[in-house]
N, C-alpha and C. Protein backbone atom coordinates (compact mmCIF):
# COMPACT_ATOMS: atom_id res chain seq x y z
N MET A 1 -17.91 -54.18 26.38
CA MET A 1 -19.17 -54.83 26.70
C MET A 1 -20.07 -54.80 25.46
N PRO A 2 -20.79 -55.88 25.16
CA PRO A 2 -21.64 -55.90 23.98
C PRO A 2 -22.78 -54.91 24.08
N GLU A 3 -23.21 -54.41 22.95
CA GLU A 3 -24.30 -53.46 22.90
C GLU A 3 -25.61 -54.15 23.23
N ARG A 4 -26.49 -53.47 23.94
CA ARG A 4 -27.79 -54.02 24.31
C ARG A 4 -28.90 -53.19 23.68
N ASN A 5 -30.07 -53.81 23.55
CA ASN A 5 -31.22 -53.11 22.99
C ASN A 5 -31.81 -52.09 23.96
N VAL A 6 -31.57 -52.27 25.26
CA VAL A 6 -32.11 -51.39 26.28
C VAL A 6 -31.01 -50.43 26.71
N ARG A 7 -31.36 -49.16 26.89
CA ARG A 7 -30.36 -48.19 27.35
C ARG A 7 -29.84 -48.59 28.71
N SER A 8 -28.55 -48.43 28.93
CA SER A 8 -27.91 -48.89 30.16
C SER A 8 -28.47 -48.23 31.41
N GLU A 9 -28.98 -46.99 31.33
CA GLU A 9 -29.50 -46.34 32.52
C GLU A 9 -30.83 -46.95 32.96
N GLU A 10 -31.46 -47.75 32.12
CA GLU A 10 -32.73 -48.38 32.48
C GLU A 10 -32.51 -49.76 33.11
N VAL A 11 -31.36 -50.35 32.93
CA VAL A 11 -31.10 -51.70 33.43
C VAL A 11 -29.98 -51.64 34.45
N LYS A 12 -30.30 -52.06 35.67
CA LYS A 12 -29.28 -52.09 36.72
C LYS A 12 -28.68 -53.49 36.75
N HIS A 13 -27.45 -53.57 37.22
CA HIS A 13 -26.78 -54.86 37.35
C HIS A 13 -26.22 -55.00 38.76
N LYS A 14 -26.03 -56.23 39.18
CA LYS A 14 -25.43 -56.51 40.47
C LYS A 14 -24.42 -57.63 40.28
N GLN A 15 -23.21 -57.40 40.72
CA GLN A 15 -22.20 -58.44 40.68
C GLN A 15 -22.48 -59.45 41.79
N ARG A 16 -22.59 -60.71 41.43
CA ARG A 16 -22.80 -61.77 42.42
C ARG A 16 -21.57 -62.65 42.46
N ASP A 17 -21.24 -63.12 43.65
CA ASP A 17 -20.12 -64.04 43.70
C ASP A 17 -20.55 -65.39 43.13
N VAL A 18 -19.59 -66.24 42.88
CA VAL A 18 -19.83 -67.52 42.22
C VAL A 18 -20.82 -68.37 43.02
N ASP A 19 -20.66 -68.42 44.33
CA ASP A 19 -21.55 -69.25 45.16
C ASP A 19 -22.99 -68.75 45.13
N GLU A 20 -23.15 -67.44 45.24
CA GLU A 20 -24.51 -66.87 45.21
C GLU A 20 -25.18 -67.17 43.88
N ARG A 21 -24.48 -66.91 42.79
CA ARG A 21 -25.04 -67.16 41.46
C ARG A 21 -25.41 -68.63 41.30
N ARG A 22 -24.50 -69.52 41.73
CA ARG A 22 -24.75 -70.96 41.62
C ARG A 22 -25.99 -71.36 42.41
N ASP A 23 -26.10 -70.86 43.65
CA ASP A 23 -27.25 -71.20 44.50
C ASP A 23 -28.57 -70.73 43.88
N LEU A 24 -28.57 -69.52 43.36
CA LEU A 24 -29.80 -68.99 42.75
C LEU A 24 -30.16 -69.78 41.49
N ILE A 25 -29.18 -70.07 40.66
CA ILE A 25 -29.43 -70.84 39.43
C ILE A 25 -29.91 -72.25 39.77
N THR A 26 -29.34 -72.86 40.81
CA THR A 26 -29.77 -74.20 41.22
C THR A 26 -31.23 -74.19 41.65
N ARG A 27 -31.61 -73.20 42.43
CA ARG A 27 -33.01 -73.08 42.85
C ARG A 27 -33.93 -72.92 41.65
N LEU A 28 -33.53 -72.04 40.73
CA LEU A 28 -34.35 -71.81 39.53
C LEU A 28 -34.45 -73.05 38.66
N SER A 29 -33.37 -73.79 38.56
CA SER A 29 -33.39 -75.02 37.77
C SER A 29 -34.35 -76.03 38.37
N ARG A 30 -34.37 -76.13 39.69
CA ARG A 30 -35.32 -77.03 40.36
C ARG A 30 -36.76 -76.60 40.07
N ILE A 31 -37.01 -75.32 40.15
CA ILE A 31 -38.35 -74.79 39.89
C ILE A 31 -38.74 -75.06 38.44
N GLU A 32 -37.80 -74.85 37.54
CA GLU A 32 -38.04 -75.12 36.12
C GLU A 32 -38.44 -76.59 35.92
N GLY A 33 -37.75 -77.48 36.59
CA GLY A 33 -38.07 -78.90 36.51
C GLY A 33 -39.45 -79.20 37.05
N GLN A 34 -39.82 -78.53 38.14
CA GLN A 34 -41.15 -78.72 38.70
C GLN A 34 -42.23 -78.26 37.72
N VAL A 35 -42.00 -77.15 37.05
CA VAL A 35 -42.97 -76.63 36.08
C VAL A 35 -43.08 -77.59 34.90
N ARG A 36 -41.97 -78.11 34.44
CA ARG A 36 -42.02 -79.11 33.35
C ARG A 36 -42.79 -80.35 33.80
N GLY A 37 -42.62 -80.72 35.08
CA GLY A 37 -43.37 -81.85 35.62
C GLY A 37 -44.87 -81.59 35.61
N ILE A 38 -45.27 -80.38 35.93
CA ILE A 38 -46.69 -80.02 35.89
C ILE A 38 -47.21 -80.12 34.47
N ARG A 39 -46.45 -79.64 33.52
CA ARG A 39 -46.86 -79.74 32.12
C ARG A 39 -47.06 -81.20 31.73
N ALA A 40 -46.13 -82.05 32.14
CA ALA A 40 -46.24 -83.48 31.83
C ALA A 40 -47.49 -84.08 32.48
N MET A 41 -47.81 -83.63 33.68
CA MET A 41 -49.01 -84.12 34.35
C MET A 41 -50.27 -83.73 33.57
N VAL A 42 -50.30 -82.50 33.07
CA VAL A 42 -51.44 -82.04 32.26
C VAL A 42 -51.53 -82.86 30.98
N GLU A 43 -50.38 -83.05 30.32
CA GLU A 43 -50.36 -83.83 29.08
C GLU A 43 -50.79 -85.27 29.32
N ASP A 44 -50.55 -85.77 30.52
CA ASP A 44 -50.89 -87.15 30.88
C ASP A 44 -52.30 -87.26 31.47
N ASP A 45 -53.04 -86.13 31.46
CA ASP A 45 -54.40 -86.10 31.99
C ASP A 45 -54.48 -86.55 33.45
N ARG A 46 -53.50 -86.12 34.24
CA ARG A 46 -53.48 -86.49 35.66
C ARG A 46 -54.62 -85.79 36.40
N TYR A 47 -54.94 -86.31 37.55
CA TYR A 47 -56.03 -85.82 38.39
C TYR A 47 -55.75 -84.38 38.82
N CYS A 48 -56.81 -83.55 38.79
CA CYS A 48 -56.69 -82.11 39.07
C CYS A 48 -56.04 -81.82 40.41
N VAL A 49 -56.44 -82.56 41.44
CA VAL A 49 -55.91 -82.31 42.79
C VAL A 49 -54.40 -82.52 42.81
N ASP A 50 -53.92 -83.53 42.10
CA ASP A 50 -52.49 -83.79 42.05
C ASP A 50 -51.75 -82.64 41.37
N ILE A 51 -52.35 -82.09 40.32
CA ILE A 51 -51.72 -80.97 39.60
C ILE A 51 -51.72 -79.72 40.48
N VAL A 52 -52.86 -79.45 41.11
CA VAL A 52 -52.95 -78.28 41.99
C VAL A 52 -51.92 -78.38 43.12
N THR A 53 -51.73 -79.56 43.64
CA THR A 53 -50.74 -79.77 44.70
C THR A 53 -49.34 -79.42 44.20
N GLN A 54 -49.02 -79.83 42.98
CA GLN A 54 -47.71 -79.52 42.42
C GLN A 54 -47.56 -78.03 42.12
N VAL A 55 -48.63 -77.40 41.66
CA VAL A 55 -48.59 -75.95 41.42
C VAL A 55 -48.32 -75.22 42.74
N SER A 56 -48.95 -75.68 43.80
CA SER A 56 -48.72 -75.09 45.11
C SER A 56 -47.26 -75.22 45.53
N ALA A 57 -46.66 -76.36 45.23
CA ALA A 57 -45.25 -76.58 45.55
C ALA A 57 -44.36 -75.61 44.77
N VAL A 58 -44.69 -75.36 43.51
CA VAL A 58 -43.92 -74.41 42.70
C VAL A 58 -44.06 -73.00 43.27
N GLN A 59 -45.27 -72.64 43.66
CA GLN A 59 -45.47 -71.32 44.24
C GLN A 59 -44.66 -71.16 45.52
N ALA A 60 -44.62 -72.19 46.34
CA ALA A 60 -43.83 -72.14 47.57
C ALA A 60 -42.34 -72.01 47.24
N ALA A 61 -41.90 -72.73 46.22
CA ALA A 61 -40.49 -72.65 45.81
C ALA A 61 -40.15 -71.25 45.29
N LEU A 62 -41.04 -70.66 44.51
CA LEU A 62 -40.82 -69.30 44.02
C LEU A 62 -40.82 -68.29 45.17
N ASN A 63 -41.70 -68.49 46.14
CA ASN A 63 -41.71 -67.61 47.31
C ASN A 63 -40.40 -67.72 48.07
N GLY A 64 -39.90 -68.93 48.21
CA GLY A 64 -38.62 -69.14 48.89
C GLY A 64 -37.48 -68.47 48.14
N PHE A 65 -37.51 -68.58 46.81
CA PHE A 65 -36.50 -67.92 45.98
C PHE A 65 -36.56 -66.41 46.19
N ASN A 66 -37.78 -65.86 46.17
CA ASN A 66 -37.95 -64.42 46.36
C ASN A 66 -37.46 -63.97 47.73
N LYS A 67 -37.76 -64.73 48.77
CA LYS A 67 -37.30 -64.37 50.12
C LYS A 67 -35.78 -64.34 50.19
N GLU A 68 -35.15 -65.34 49.61
CA GLU A 68 -33.68 -65.40 49.62
C GLU A 68 -33.09 -64.24 48.84
N LEU A 69 -33.62 -63.98 47.65
CA LEU A 69 -33.11 -62.90 46.82
C LEU A 69 -33.33 -61.55 47.49
N LEU A 70 -34.50 -61.36 48.08
CA LEU A 70 -34.79 -60.09 48.77
C LEU A 70 -33.86 -59.88 49.96
N ALA A 71 -33.62 -60.93 50.74
CA ALA A 71 -32.72 -60.81 51.88
C ALA A 71 -31.32 -60.42 51.41
N ARG A 72 -30.85 -61.08 50.36
CA ARG A 72 -29.52 -60.73 49.83
C ARG A 72 -29.49 -59.31 49.30
N HIS A 73 -30.59 -58.88 48.67
CA HIS A 73 -30.68 -57.52 48.13
C HIS A 73 -30.57 -56.49 49.26
N ILE A 74 -31.29 -56.73 50.34
CA ILE A 74 -31.27 -55.80 51.47
C ILE A 74 -29.88 -55.76 52.10
N LYS A 75 -29.28 -56.94 52.29
CA LYS A 75 -27.98 -57.02 52.96
C LYS A 75 -26.84 -56.45 52.12
N THR A 76 -27.00 -56.45 50.81
CA THR A 76 -25.91 -55.97 49.96
C THR A 76 -26.28 -54.65 49.29
N CYS A 77 -27.16 -54.70 48.32
CA CYS A 77 -27.47 -53.52 47.51
C CYS A 77 -28.02 -52.35 48.33
N VAL A 78 -29.07 -52.62 49.09
CA VAL A 78 -29.73 -51.54 49.84
C VAL A 78 -28.79 -50.96 50.89
N SER A 79 -28.15 -51.83 51.66
CA SER A 79 -27.26 -51.32 52.72
C SER A 79 -26.09 -50.53 52.12
N GLN A 80 -25.55 -50.99 50.99
CA GLN A 80 -24.46 -50.26 50.34
C GLN A 80 -24.94 -48.90 49.82
N ASP A 81 -26.13 -48.88 49.20
CA ASP A 81 -26.68 -47.61 48.71
C ASP A 81 -26.88 -46.62 49.86
N ILE A 82 -27.36 -47.10 50.99
CA ILE A 82 -27.56 -46.21 52.14
C ILE A 82 -26.21 -45.68 52.63
N ARG A 83 -25.21 -46.56 52.73
CA ARG A 83 -23.87 -46.11 53.15
C ARG A 83 -23.31 -45.07 52.17
N ASP A 84 -23.67 -45.22 50.88
CA ASP A 84 -23.19 -44.29 49.87
C ASP A 84 -24.05 -43.03 49.75
N GLY A 85 -25.07 -42.92 50.63
CA GLY A 85 -25.90 -41.72 50.64
C GLY A 85 -27.05 -41.75 49.65
N ARG A 86 -27.31 -42.88 49.04
CA ARG A 86 -28.41 -42.99 48.07
C ARG A 86 -29.67 -43.48 48.81
N GLU A 87 -30.31 -42.54 49.48
CA GLU A 87 -31.50 -42.85 50.29
C GLU A 87 -32.67 -43.32 49.44
N GLU A 88 -32.66 -43.04 48.14
CA GLU A 88 -33.75 -43.47 47.26
C GLU A 88 -33.85 -45.00 47.21
N ALA A 89 -32.80 -45.69 47.63
CA ALA A 89 -32.83 -47.15 47.69
C ALA A 89 -33.90 -47.64 48.66
N VAL A 90 -34.14 -46.87 49.72
CA VAL A 90 -35.18 -47.23 50.68
C VAL A 90 -36.54 -47.11 50.04
N ASP A 91 -36.75 -46.03 49.27
CA ASP A 91 -38.02 -45.86 48.56
C ASP A 91 -38.24 -46.99 47.56
N GLU A 92 -37.19 -47.36 46.85
CA GLU A 92 -37.27 -48.45 45.89
C GLU A 92 -37.65 -49.76 46.60
N LEU A 93 -37.04 -50.01 47.75
CA LEU A 93 -37.34 -51.20 48.53
C LEU A 93 -38.79 -51.19 49.00
N CYS A 94 -39.27 -50.05 49.47
CA CYS A 94 -40.66 -49.93 49.92
C CYS A 94 -41.64 -50.22 48.77
N GLU A 95 -41.34 -49.72 47.59
CA GLU A 95 -42.19 -49.99 46.42
C GLU A 95 -42.17 -51.48 46.06
N LEU A 96 -41.01 -52.08 46.16
CA LEU A 96 -40.89 -53.52 45.88
C LEU A 96 -41.73 -54.31 46.88
N LEU A 97 -41.64 -53.98 48.14
CA LEU A 97 -42.42 -54.67 49.16
C LEU A 97 -43.93 -54.53 48.92
N LYS A 98 -44.35 -53.36 48.47
CA LYS A 98 -45.77 -53.15 48.15
C LYS A 98 -46.21 -54.11 47.04
N LYS A 99 -45.37 -54.26 46.02
CA LYS A 99 -45.68 -55.18 44.92
C LYS A 99 -45.76 -56.62 45.40
N LEU A 100 -44.84 -57.00 46.28
CA LEU A 100 -44.81 -58.37 46.77
C LEU A 100 -46.00 -58.69 47.67
N MET A 101 -46.55 -57.68 48.31
CA MET A 101 -47.63 -57.91 49.28
C MET A 101 -49.01 -57.78 48.68
N LYS A 102 -49.14 -57.73 47.38
CA LYS A 102 -50.46 -57.64 46.73
C LYS A 102 -51.23 -58.90 46.97
């Protein structure tokens, strides 16, 4: 494995199957396109309400991405950690939920 600038104990990894990775990347690509569209609207001096509407759509898309990723995380990573006796996964999940609910 190639050397990284960050120590391996600080960076966790999760193996994703091909379909999961593809679905997540597709969602992110769509969001990326939406953000580029917003930039183009600003460059084109489009009406503020139209831009705000598009920003709201991006936020909704990011929220949807987060919900999907969180659900997959709970169903795979957290449940596996609990089965393996790593109860700290629940604490990590609780901290994550606190951050999301700000």
